[in-house]
Every structure is written in C-alpha cells, then in structure tokens.
Amino acid sequence: MSRAPGVWLADLTWPEAKARFDGGCLVVVAIGAQSKEHGHHLPLKTDYLLARDLSERVMSELPVVVAPIVTFGYFPAFVSYPGSQHLRSETFIALLKDILTKFAHDGVQHLAVINTGVSTEAPLRIAVRDVFEQTALRVSTVDIRALGRGTERLIEQRMGGHGDEAETSMILAIEPESVRMDLAETDYGGREDAPATLFYQPGVFTSEEGSGVDFSKTGVFGDPTLATEAKGRAILDDMGRELVDGLRLLYPTACR
C-alpha cells in the first residue's frame, strides 16, 4: 500500500516538524466538535468524524502537515442538550489565535483551516484577521457550507442544516456503526413555514416544548430518515475534491 503524502503533526518528532515547517509545508488545522448534540441517532462526535475524514482526504493527496483537530468551539445553539460542549466566543477566538500564532512563531509560512461548524464561522474570521495583523501570516479558511454544493441535488429533504439527511449520510459513509438509524426521525422544529429572507437571526435549539420556532424535540433540523451511505460517499468525495483543488490553487509550491 502506498503511503499518503501528508502526515499528522502528532506523529512527528519536533525535529521532523521543524524540518517540514522550514521546508515551506502547508499546515492544515481542522475544527470539529467532539461533543455536540446531533439528535437521537448521531453521536456527539459527528463534527469530529467529519473533520477527521476531510483532513485524511487532503492528507491522502497533498504533502500537508495536519494539526490536531480543534474539538472545542463556539456552539451556543445546542447548550440546552446534555453533553454539548461550548466555549464563549472570546474564549474560542483566543484559543484559535494561540494555536495559529504558535504556528507562525514556529516558522510556518502556509496555513489553512477547515471549519466544519456554522456558529464557528464568525469567530474564526475574527481570529484569522487578528493573526494576520499581528504576524503577517495570511491564514486561509473554508467553511462547511461552502463545500459539496455539486451534490446538493442528491438531498431530498425540504430543508435542513443539523443532524439532517446530508450530515447523517456522511456519517453513514464514515463510521456507519455510530449511526442509530432506528432512532432517526424527521424534525423541522416548527420552521417549515418560516419566511425566506436575506436577514440573519440568531437561534438557540431547545428540546423544551412551547419555545417557539427554535424548538426541536430531537435536536435535529431536517429529515435524517432519507439518509443513505451512497449519498454520504458522493458528498464527501465532492468536498474532498474541492478542498484538494482549492489548496493546490492557493499553495501550488507547498502542494506539489
């Protein structure tokens, strides 16, 4: 079996890490919650599994160094569900800045972040802006909602976004033994009639009935019962291809 061109940072010694940094390698940092609710049918580690899979897909094609996955983050929408971990925005920004700044101090010249969260998008952008101002290292970021659009036609649910058809399909493809499909159920949280608008409004999921449009009995927004492993493989292949192509475009020398 041929070896992947990329490597996990954790598998290197510090002199090996230094040699790669000094050689101008691309370092990839993925964000994926290891303890965040995804309904009755998906494990709390769902985002982590996705972050790990996407990192491995990049690592299998490019000579990158993949940092340990950032497993904590800013996830305020899910705090009412037991087991969901959450950092305040200022704590999460500080965490990211410390991680990214240390890479800059280590001599890393090329740094990219793969973000599998949604609420993490805004604080991540603040963090990389601050890192750029403080170190002149321009960190590239990509968010999960920007990936896999070429396979959106496979999705049959009316709407979704969390623990839904797409996310469940991906975990079926990554780690099927972690999915309890017998517990999957459709849950649109009373939002089927919400008007389509360009305006953003914050939301907080809750399992307490009578809480308005943010109520979700299961913690899901969408229809995971429509999920299949085949859909998940197609979506992940699409995402992986986009990531590899995008990194090659941004970092042609480091990704040779």
C-alpha atoms as a PDB file:
ATOM      1  CA  MET A   1       0.000   0.000   0.000  1.00  0.00           C
ATOM      2  CA  SER A   2       1.381   3.430  -0.951  1.00  0.00           C
ATOM      3  CA  ARG A   3       1.941   5.946   1.791  1.00  0.00           C
ATOM      4  CA  ALA A   4      -0.102   9.138   1.899  1.00  0.00           C
ATOM      5  CA  PRO A   5       1.978  12.226   1.075  1.00  0.00           C
ATOM      6  CA  GLY A   6       0.571  14.057   4.099  1.00  0.00           C
ATOM      7  CA  VAL A   7       1.126  13.379   7.783  1.00  0.00           C
ATOM      8  CA  TRP A   8      -0.458  14.086  11.168  1.00  0.00           C
ATOM      9  CA  LEU A   9       1.628  16.558  13.158  1.00  0.00           C
ATOM     10  CA  ALA A  10       1.153  14.380  16.246  1.00  0.00           C
ATOM     11  CA  ASP A  11       3.043  11.522  14.541  1.00  0.00           C
ATOM     12  CA  LEU A  12       6.192  13.615  14.014  1.00  0.00           C
ATOM     13  CA  THR A  13       9.056  14.327  16.366  1.00  0.00           C
ATOM     14  CA  TRP A  14       9.767  18.004  16.946  1.00  0.00           C
ATOM     15  CA  PRO A  15      12.884  17.984  14.696  1.00  0.00           C
ATOM     16  CA  GLU A  16      10.786  16.364  11.957  1.00  0.00           C
ATOM     17  CA  ALA A  17       8.111  19.019  12.422  1.00  0.00           C
ATOM     18  CA  LYS A  18      10.723  21.772  12.272  1.00  0.00           C
ATOM     19  CA  ALA A  19      12.181  20.348   9.081  1.00  0.00           C
ATOM     20  CA  ARG A  20       8.780  20.379   7.399  1.00  0.00           C
ATOM     21  CA  PHE A  21       7.963  23.892   8.619  1.00  0.00           C
ATOM     22  CA  ASP A  22      11.359  25.170   7.448  1.00  0.00           C
ATOM     23  CA  GLY A  23      10.745  23.466   4.110  1.00  0.00           C
ATOM     24  CA  GLY A  24       7.632  25.532   3.494  1.00  0.00           C
ATOM     25  CA  CYS A  25       4.974  22.854   4.016  1.00  0.00           C
ATOM     26  CA  LEU A  26       1.274  23.637   4.238  1.00  0.00           C
ATOM     27  CA  VAL A  27      -0.186  23.128   7.715  1.00  0.00           C
ATOM     28  CA  VAL A  28      -3.892  22.312   7.901  1.00  0.00           C
ATOM     29  CA  VAL A  29      -5.983  22.881  11.025  1.00  0.00           C
ATOM     30  CA  ALA A  30      -9.477  21.374  11.147  1.00  0.00           C
ATOM     31  CA  ILE A  31     -12.260  22.407  13.526  1.00  0.00           C
ATOM     32  CA  GLY A  32     -14.731  19.680  14.506  1.00  0.00           C
ATOM     33  CA  ALA A  33     -16.662  19.434  17.765  1.00  0.00           C
ATOM     34  CA  GLN A  34     -16.154  16.156  19.583  1.00  0.00           C
ATOM     35  CA  SER A  35     -19.084  16.671  21.914  1.00  0.00           C
ATOM     36  CA  LYS A  36     -22.101  18.408  20.339  1.00  0.00           C
ATOM     37  CA  GLU A  37     -25.625  17.060  20.034  1.00  0.00           C
ATOM     38  CA  HIS A  38     -26.785  15.746  16.663  1.00  0.00           C
ATOM     39  CA  GLY A  39     -30.117  14.243  17.526  1.00  0.00           C
ATOM     40  CA  HIS A  40     -31.008  10.822  18.888  1.00  0.00           C
ATOM     41  CA  HIS A  41     -29.352   8.956  16.031  1.00  0.00           C
ATOM     42  CA  LEU A  42     -25.914  10.539  15.587  1.00  0.00           C
ATOM     43  CA  PRO A  43     -23.047  10.588  18.107  1.00  0.00           C
ATOM     44  CA  LEU A  44     -21.834  13.729  19.821  1.00  0.00           C
ATOM     45  CA  LYS A  45     -18.562  13.336  17.890  1.00  0.00           C
ATOM     46  CA  THR A  46     -20.240  13.843  14.498  1.00  0.00           C
ATOM     47  CA  ASP A  47     -18.377  17.043  13.597  1.00  0.00           C
ATOM     48  CA  TYR A  48     -15.092  15.495  14.724  1.00  0.00           C
ATOM     49  CA  LEU A  49     -15.638  12.497  12.447  1.00  0.00           C
ATOM     50  CA  LEU A  50     -16.298  14.813   9.526  1.00  0.00           C
ATOM     51  CA  ALA A  51     -13.250  16.982  10.289  1.00  0.00           C
ATOM     52  CA  ARG A  52     -11.068  13.885  10.547  1.00  0.00           C
ATOM     53  CA  ASP A  53     -12.356  12.412   7.293  1.00  0.00           C
ATOM     54  CA  LEU A  54     -11.858  15.636   5.334  1.00  0.00           C
ATOM     55  CA  SER A  55      -8.368  16.037   6.807  1.00  0.00           C
ATOM     56  CA  GLU A  56      -7.469  12.493   5.781  1.00  0.00           C
ATOM     57  CA  ARG A  57      -8.752  13.113   2.266  1.00  0.00           C
ATOM     58  CA  VAL A  58      -6.487  16.141   1.948  1.00  0.00           C
ATOM     59  CA  MET A  59      -3.590  14.252   3.518  1.00  0.00           C
ATOM     60  CA  SER A  60      -4.026  11.386   1.044  1.00  0.00           C
ATOM     61  CA  GLU A  61      -3.472  13.729  -1.908  1.00  0.00           C
ATOM     62  CA  LEU A  62      -1.195  16.531  -0.695  1.00  0.00           C
ATOM     63  CA  PRO A  63       2.083  16.712   1.311  1.00  0.00           C
ATOM     64  CA  VAL A  64       0.452  18.618   4.153  1.00  0.00           C
ATOM     65  CA  VAL A  65       1.004  18.508   7.897  1.00  0.00           C
ATOM     66  CA  VAL A  66      -2.361  18.155   9.641  1.00  0.00           C
ATOM     67  CA  ALA A  67      -2.552  19.599  13.139  1.00  0.00           C
ATOM     68  CA  PRO A  68      -4.594  18.000  15.944  1.00  0.00           C
ATOM     69  CA  ILE A  69      -8.279  18.688  15.347  1.00  0.00           C
ATOM     70  CA  VAL A  70      -9.727  21.563  17.372  1.00  0.00           C
ATOM     71  CA  THR A  71     -12.533  19.741  19.176  1.00  0.00           C
ATOM     72  CA  PHE A  72     -13.976  22.613  21.217  1.00  0.00           C
ATOM     73  CA  GLY A  73     -15.677  25.698  19.838  1.00  0.00           C
ATOM     74  CA  TYR A  74     -18.390  28.312  19.890  1.00  0.00           C
ATOM     75  CA  PHE A  75     -21.670  26.345  19.709  1.00  0.00           C
ATOM     76  CA  PRO A  76     -24.318  28.389  21.579  1.00  0.00           C
ATOM     77  CA  ALA A  77     -27.299  26.881  19.744  1.00  0.00           C
ATOM     78  CA  PHE A  78     -27.000  23.486  21.411  1.00  0.00           C
ATOM     79  CA  VAL A  79     -26.232  24.154  25.072  1.00  0.00           C
ATOM     80  CA  SER A  80     -29.661  23.001  26.299  1.00  0.00           C
ATOM     81  CA  TYR A  81     -28.868  19.413  25.256  1.00  0.00           C
ATOM     82  CA  PRO A  82     -26.818  17.418  27.787  1.00  0.00           C
ATOM     83  CA  GLY A  83     -23.307  16.629  26.594  1.00  0.00           C
ATOM     84  CA  SER A  84     -22.985  19.570  24.216  1.00  0.00           C
ATOM     85  CA  GLN A  85     -19.753  21.452  24.929  1.00  0.00           C
ATOM     86  CA  HIS A  86     -19.489  25.180  24.237  1.00  0.00           C
ATOM     87  CA  LEU A  87     -16.906  27.928  24.585  1.00  0.00           C
ATOM     88  CA  ARG A  88     -17.728  31.617  24.810  1.00  0.00           C
ATOM     89  CA  SER A  89     -16.891  33.483  21.619  1.00  0.00           C
ATOM     90  CA  GLU A  90     -14.000  35.350  23.244  1.00  0.00           C
ATOM     91  CA  THR A  91     -12.589  32.080  24.616  1.00  0.00           C
ATOM     92  CA  PHE A  92     -12.818  30.372  21.237  1.00  0.00           C
ATOM     93  CA  ILE A  93     -11.212  33.317  19.449  1.00  0.00           C
ATOM     94  CA  ALA A  94      -8.376  33.320  21.991  1.00  0.00           C
ATOM     95  CA  LEU A  95      -7.907  29.549  21.554  1.00  0.00           C
ATOM     96  CA  LEU A  96      -7.670  29.854  17.777  1.00  0.00           C
ATOM     97  CA  LYS A  97      -5.324  32.820  17.957  1.00  0.00           C
ATOM     98  CA  ASP A  98      -2.980  30.948  20.311  1.00  0.00           C
ATOM     99  CA  ILE A  99      -2.939  27.882  18.046  1.00  0.00           C
ATOM    100  CA  LEU A 100      -2.427  29.802  14.802  1.00  0.00           C
ATOM    101  CA  THR A 101       0.059  32.311  16.230  1.00  0.00           C
ATOM    102  CA  LYS A 102       2.230  29.499  17.569  1.00  0.00           C
ATOM    103  CA  PHE A 103       2.476  28.066  14.066  1.00  0.00           C
ATOM    104  CA  ALA A 104       3.539  31.498  12.809  1.00  0.00           C
ATOM    105  CA  HIS A 105       6.211  31.653  15.521  1.00  0.00           C
ATOM    106  CA  ASP A 106       7.352  28.158  14.526  1.00  0.00           C
ATOM    107  CA  GLY A 107       8.070  29.450  11.039  1.00  0.00           C
ATOM    108  CA  VAL A 108       5.039  28.064   9.220  1.00  0.00           C
ATOM    109  CA  GLN A 109       4.553  30.028   6.016  1.00  0.00           C
ATOM    110  CA  HIS A 110       1.354  28.396   4.730  1.00  0.00           C
ATOM    111  CA  LEU A 111      -1.630  27.722   6.983  1.00  0.00           C
ATOM    112  CA  ALA A 112      -5.241  26.757   6.200  1.00  0.00           C
ATOM    113  CA  VAL A 113      -8.286  25.978   8.338  1.00  0.00           C
ATOM    114  CA  ILE A 114     -11.105  23.552   7.506  1.00  0.00           C
ATOM    115  CA  ASN A 115     -14.134  24.540   9.577  1.00  0.00           C
ATOM    116  CA  THR A 116     -16.973  22.020   9.984  1.00  0.00           C
ATOM    117  CA  GLY A 117     -19.090  24.306  12.182  1.00  0.00           C
ATOM    118  CA  VAL A 118     -21.543  27.083  11.355  1.00  0.00           C
ATOM    119  CA  SER A 119     -21.576  29.206  14.505  1.00  0.00           C
ATOM    120  CA  THR A 120     -17.763  28.991  14.420  1.00  0.00           C
ATOM    121  CA  GLU A 121     -17.585  30.916  11.143  1.00  0.00           C
ATOM    122  CA  ALA A 122     -17.751  34.435  12.605  1.00  0.00           C
ATOM    123  CA  PRO A 123     -15.257  33.993  15.471  1.00  0.00           C
ATOM    124  CA  LEU A 124     -12.877  32.137  13.147  1.00  0.00           C
ATOM    125  CA  ARG A 125     -12.788  35.093  10.775  1.00  0.00           C
ATOM    126  CA  ILE A 126     -12.044  37.459  13.657  1.00  0.00           C
ATOM    127  CA  ALA A 127      -9.240  35.172  14.828  1.00  0.00           C
ATOM    128  CA  VAL A 128      -7.516  34.895  11.440  1.00  0.00           C
ATOM    129  CA  ARG A 129      -7.833  38.640  10.894  1.00  0.00           C
ATOM    130  CA  ASP A 130      -6.128  39.280  14.250  1.00  0.00           C
ATOM    131  CA  VAL A 131      -3.419  36.722  13.465  1.00  0.00           C
ATOM    132  CA  PHE A 132      -2.766  38.412  10.122  1.00  0.00           C
ATOM    133  CA  GLU A 133      -2.468  41.822  11.759  1.00  0.00           C
ATOM    134  CA  GLN A 134      -0.135  40.517  14.466  1.00  0.00           C
ATOM    135  CA  THR A 135       2.077  38.141  12.466  1.00  0.00           C
ATOM    136  CA  ALA A 136       1.531  38.957   8.753  1.00  0.00           C
ATOM    137  CA  LEU A 137       0.637  35.278   8.237  1.00  0.00           C
ATOM    138  CA  ARG A 138      -2.404  35.082   5.976  1.00  0.00           C
ATOM    139  CA  VAL A 139      -4.469  32.084   7.120  1.00  0.00           C
ATOM    140  CA  SER A 140      -6.929  30.676   4.571  1.00  0.00           C
ATOM    141  CA  THR A 141     -10.252  29.317   5.848  1.00  0.00           C
ATOM    142  CA  VAL A 142     -13.067  27.308   4.308  1.00  0.00           C
ATOM    143  CA  ASP A 143     -16.439  26.632   5.944  1.00  0.00           C
ATOM    144  CA  ILE A 144     -18.557  23.512   5.628  1.00  0.00           C
ATOM    145  CA  ARG A 145     -21.469  25.352   3.996  1.00  0.00           C
ATOM    146  CA  ALA A 146     -19.231  26.330   1.061  1.00  0.00           C
ATOM    147  CA  LEU A 147     -18.358  22.708   0.309  1.00  0.00           C
ATOM    148  CA  GLY A 148     -20.222  19.964  -1.531  1.00  0.00           C
ATOM    149  CA  ARG A 149     -22.623  22.144  -3.471  1.00  0.00           C
ATOM    150  CA  GLY A 150     -22.201  19.987  -6.526  1.00  0.00           C
ATOM    151  CA  THR A 151     -24.015  17.148  -4.756  1.00  0.00           C
ATOM    152  CA  GLU A 152     -26.844  19.208  -3.210  1.00  0.00           C
ATOM    153  CA  ARG A 153     -29.147  17.732  -5.889  1.00  0.00           C
ATOM    154  CA  LEU A 154     -28.964  14.397  -4.046  1.00  0.00           C
ATOM    155  CA  ILE A 155     -30.702  15.823  -0.978  1.00  0.00           C
ATOM    156  CA  GLU A 156     -34.470  15.235  -0.818  1.00  0.00           C
ATOM    157  CA  GLN A 157     -35.464  16.869   2.485  1.00  0.00           C
ATOM    158  CA  ARG A 158     -37.497  20.109   2.391  1.00  0.00           C
ATOM    159  CA  MET A 159     -34.911  21.966   4.475  1.00  0.00           C
ATOM    160  CA  GLY A 160     -32.194  21.125   6.931  1.00  0.00           C
ATOM    161  CA  GLY A 161     -28.879  22.025   8.461  1.00  0.00           C
ATOM    162  CA  HIS A 162     -28.196  19.921  11.546  1.00  0.00           C
ATOM    163  CA  GLY A 163     -28.234  16.159  12.080  1.00  0.00           C
ATOM    164  CA  ASP A 164     -30.155  16.083   8.823  1.00  0.00           C
ATOM    165  CA  GLU A 165     -30.168  13.991   5.655  1.00  0.00           C
ATOM    166  CA  ALA A 166     -26.802  15.236   4.416  1.00  0.00           C
ATOM    167  CA  GLU A 167     -24.965  15.038   7.724  1.00  0.00           C
ATOM    168  CA  THR A 168     -26.392  11.624   8.556  1.00  0.00           C
ATOM    169  CA  SER A 169     -25.450  10.343   5.104  1.00  0.00           C
ATOM    170  CA  MET A 170     -21.859  11.459   5.599  1.00  0.00           C
ATOM    171  CA  ILE A 171     -21.535   9.707   8.954  1.00  0.00           C
ATOM    172  CA  LEU A 172     -23.078   6.569   7.433  1.00  0.00           C
ATOM    173  CA  ALA A 173     -20.206   6.678   4.940  1.00  0.00           C
ATOM    174  CA  ILE A 174     -17.520   7.473   7.525  1.00  0.00           C
ATOM    175  CA  GLU A 175     -18.482   5.365  10.543  1.00  0.00           C
ATOM    176  CA  PRO A 176     -21.783   3.534   9.975  1.00  0.00           C
ATOM    177  CA  GLU A 177     -21.613   1.694  13.298  1.00  0.00           C
ATOM    178  CA  SER A 178     -22.009   5.049  15.084  1.00  0.00           C
ATOM    179  CA  VAL A 179     -25.377   5.804  13.439  1.00  0.00           C
ATOM    180  CA  ARG A 180     -28.629   4.631  15.078  1.00  0.00           C
ATOM    181  CA  MET A 181     -30.905   4.834  12.061  1.00  0.00           C
ATOM    182  CA  ASP A 182     -33.725   3.214  14.020  1.00  0.00           C
ATOM    183  CA  LEU A 183     -33.819   6.383  16.158  1.00  0.00           C
ATOM    184  CA  ALA A 184     -33.707   8.838  13.248  1.00  0.00           C
ATOM    185  CA  GLU A 185     -36.831  10.922  12.756  1.00  0.00           C
ATOM    186  CA  THR A 186     -37.904  13.941  10.771  1.00  0.00           C
ATOM    187  CA  ASP A 187     -37.739  17.143  12.811  1.00  0.00           C
ATOM    188  CA  TYR A 188     -38.100  20.572  11.235  1.00  0.00           C
ATOM    189  CA  GLY A 189     -38.531  22.295  14.574  1.00  0.00           C
ATOM    190  CA  GLY A 190     -41.608  24.228  13.509  1.00  0.00           C
ATOM    191  CA  ARG A 191     -39.649  26.118  10.874  1.00  0.00           C
ATOM    192  CA  GLU A 192     -41.375  24.800   7.766  1.00  0.00           C
ATOM    193  CA  ASP A 193     -43.409  27.988   7.476  1.00  0.00           C
ATOM    194  CA  ALA A 194     -40.599  30.422   8.303  1.00  0.00           C
ATOM    195  CA  PRO A 195     -40.335  33.062   5.547  1.00  0.00           C
ATOM    196  CA  ALA A 196     -37.303  33.007   3.270  1.00  0.00           C
ATOM    197  CA  THR A 197     -35.270  36.154   3.894  1.00  0.00           C
ATOM    198  CA  LEU A 198     -31.807  37.606   3.409  1.00  0.00           C
ATOM    199  CA  PHE A 199     -31.691  38.624   7.071  1.00  0.00           C
ATOM    200  CA  TYR A 200     -29.747  36.700   9.697  1.00  0.00           C
ATOM    201  CA  GLN A 201     -31.380  35.931  13.026  1.00  0.00           C
ATOM    202  CA  PRO A 202     -29.668  34.099  15.901  1.00  0.00           C
ATOM    203  CA  GLY A 203     -31.240  30.902  17.146  1.00  0.00           C
ATOM    204  CA  VAL A 204     -30.942  28.527  20.082  1.00  0.00           C
ATOM    205  CA  PHE A 205     -32.183  24.963  19.729  1.00  0.00           C
ATOM    206  CA  THR A 206     -34.133  23.649  22.699  1.00  0.00           C
ATOM    207  CA  SER A 207     -35.955  20.422  23.479  1.00  0.00           C
ATOM    208  CA  GLU A 208     -38.432  22.256  25.715  1.00  0.00           C
ATOM    209  CA  GLU A 209     -41.808  22.468  24.021  1.00  0.00           C
ATOM    210  CA  GLY A 210     -43.503  25.855  23.823  1.00  0.00           C
ATOM    211  CA  SER A 211     -40.292  27.680  22.980  1.00  0.00           C
ATOM    212  CA  GLY A 212     -41.362  28.793  19.509  1.00  0.00           C
ATOM    213  CA  VAL A 213     -39.555  28.120  16.217  1.00  0.00           C
ATOM    214  CA  ASP A 214     -36.328  27.089  17.960  1.00  0.00           C
ATOM    215  CA  PHE A 215     -37.983  24.018  19.481  1.00  0.00           C
ATOM    216  CA  SER A 216     -36.525  20.713  18.311  1.00  0.00           C
ATOM    217  CA  LYS A 217     -37.583  17.622  20.209  1.00  0.00           C
ATOM    218  CA  THR A 218     -34.667  15.599  18.867  1.00  0.00           C
ATOM    219  CA  GLY A 219     -32.085  18.346  18.344  1.00  0.00           C
ATOM    220  CA  VAL A 220     -32.292  17.787  14.580  1.00  0.00           C
ATOM    221  CA  PHE A 221     -33.220  20.240  11.850  1.00  0.00           C
ATOM    222  CA  GLY A 222     -34.085  18.239   8.744  1.00  0.00           C
ATOM    223  CA  ASP A 223     -35.004  14.701   7.729  1.00  0.00           C
ATOM    224  CA  PRO A 224     -32.290  12.152   8.544  1.00  0.00           C
ATOM    225  CA  THR A 225     -34.585   9.265   7.615  1.00  0.00           C
ATOM    226  CA  LEU A 226     -33.727   9.983   3.961  1.00  0.00           C
ATOM    227  CA  ALA A 227     -30.004   9.469   4.543  1.00  0.00           C
ATOM    228  CA  THR A 228     -28.011   6.777   2.719  1.00  0.00           C
ATOM    229  CA  GLU A 229     -24.380   5.739   2.739  1.00  0.00           C
ATOM    230  CA  ALA A 230     -24.216   6.240  -1.041  1.00  0.00           C
ATOM    231  CA  LYS A 231     -25.278   9.882  -0.718  1.00  0.00           C
ATOM    232  CA  GLY A 232     -22.696  10.365   2.007  1.00  0.00           C
ATOM    233  CA  ARG A 233     -19.879   8.927  -0.102  1.00  0.00           C
ATOM    234  CA  ALA A 234     -20.812  11.199  -3.016  1.00  0.00           C
ATOM    235  CA  ILE A 235     -20.962  14.305  -0.818  1.00  0.00           C
ATOM    236  CA  LEU A 236     -17.642  13.524   0.872  1.00  0.00           C
ATOM    237  CA  ASP A 237     -15.960  12.817  -2.456  1.00  0.00           C
ATOM    238  CA  ASP A 238     -17.213  16.180  -3.714  1.00  0.00           C
ATOM    239  CA  MET A 239     -15.982  18.007  -0.610  1.00  0.00           C
ATOM    240  CA  GLY A 240     -12.618  16.287  -0.642  1.00  0.00           C
ATOM    241  CA  ARG A 241     -12.069  17.098  -4.293  1.00  0.00           C
ATOM    242  CA  GLU A 242     -12.948  20.766  -3.704  1.00  0.00           C
ATOM    243  CA  LEU A 243     -10.565  21.010  -0.766  1.00  0.00           C
ATOM    244  CA  VAL A 244      -7.659  19.432  -2.625  1.00  0.00           C
ATOM    245  CA  ASP A 245      -8.220  21.549  -5.743  1.00  0.00           C
ATOM    246  CA  GLY A 246      -8.603  24.722  -3.687  1.00  0.00           C
ATOM    247  CA  LEU A 247      -5.441  24.140  -1.670  1.00  0.00           C
ATOM    248  CA  ARG A 248      -3.457  23.339  -4.804  1.00  0.00           C
ATOM    249  CA  LEU A 249      -4.659  26.601  -6.330  1.00  0.00           C
ATOM    250  CA  LEU A 250      -3.752  28.673  -3.249  1.00  0.00           C
ATOM    251  CA  TYR A 251      -0.472  26.920  -2.421  1.00  0.00           C
ATOM    252  CA  PRO A 252       0.975  25.494  -5.666  1.00  0.00           C
ATOM    253  CA  THR A 253       4.542  25.291  -4.334  1.00  0.00           C
ATOM    254  CA  ALA A 254       3.662  23.707  -0.997  1.00  0.00           C
ATOM    255  CA  CYS A 255       1.240  21.238  -2.621  1.00  0.00           C
ATOM    256  CA  ARG A 256       3.492  19.861  -5.345  1.00  0.00           C
END
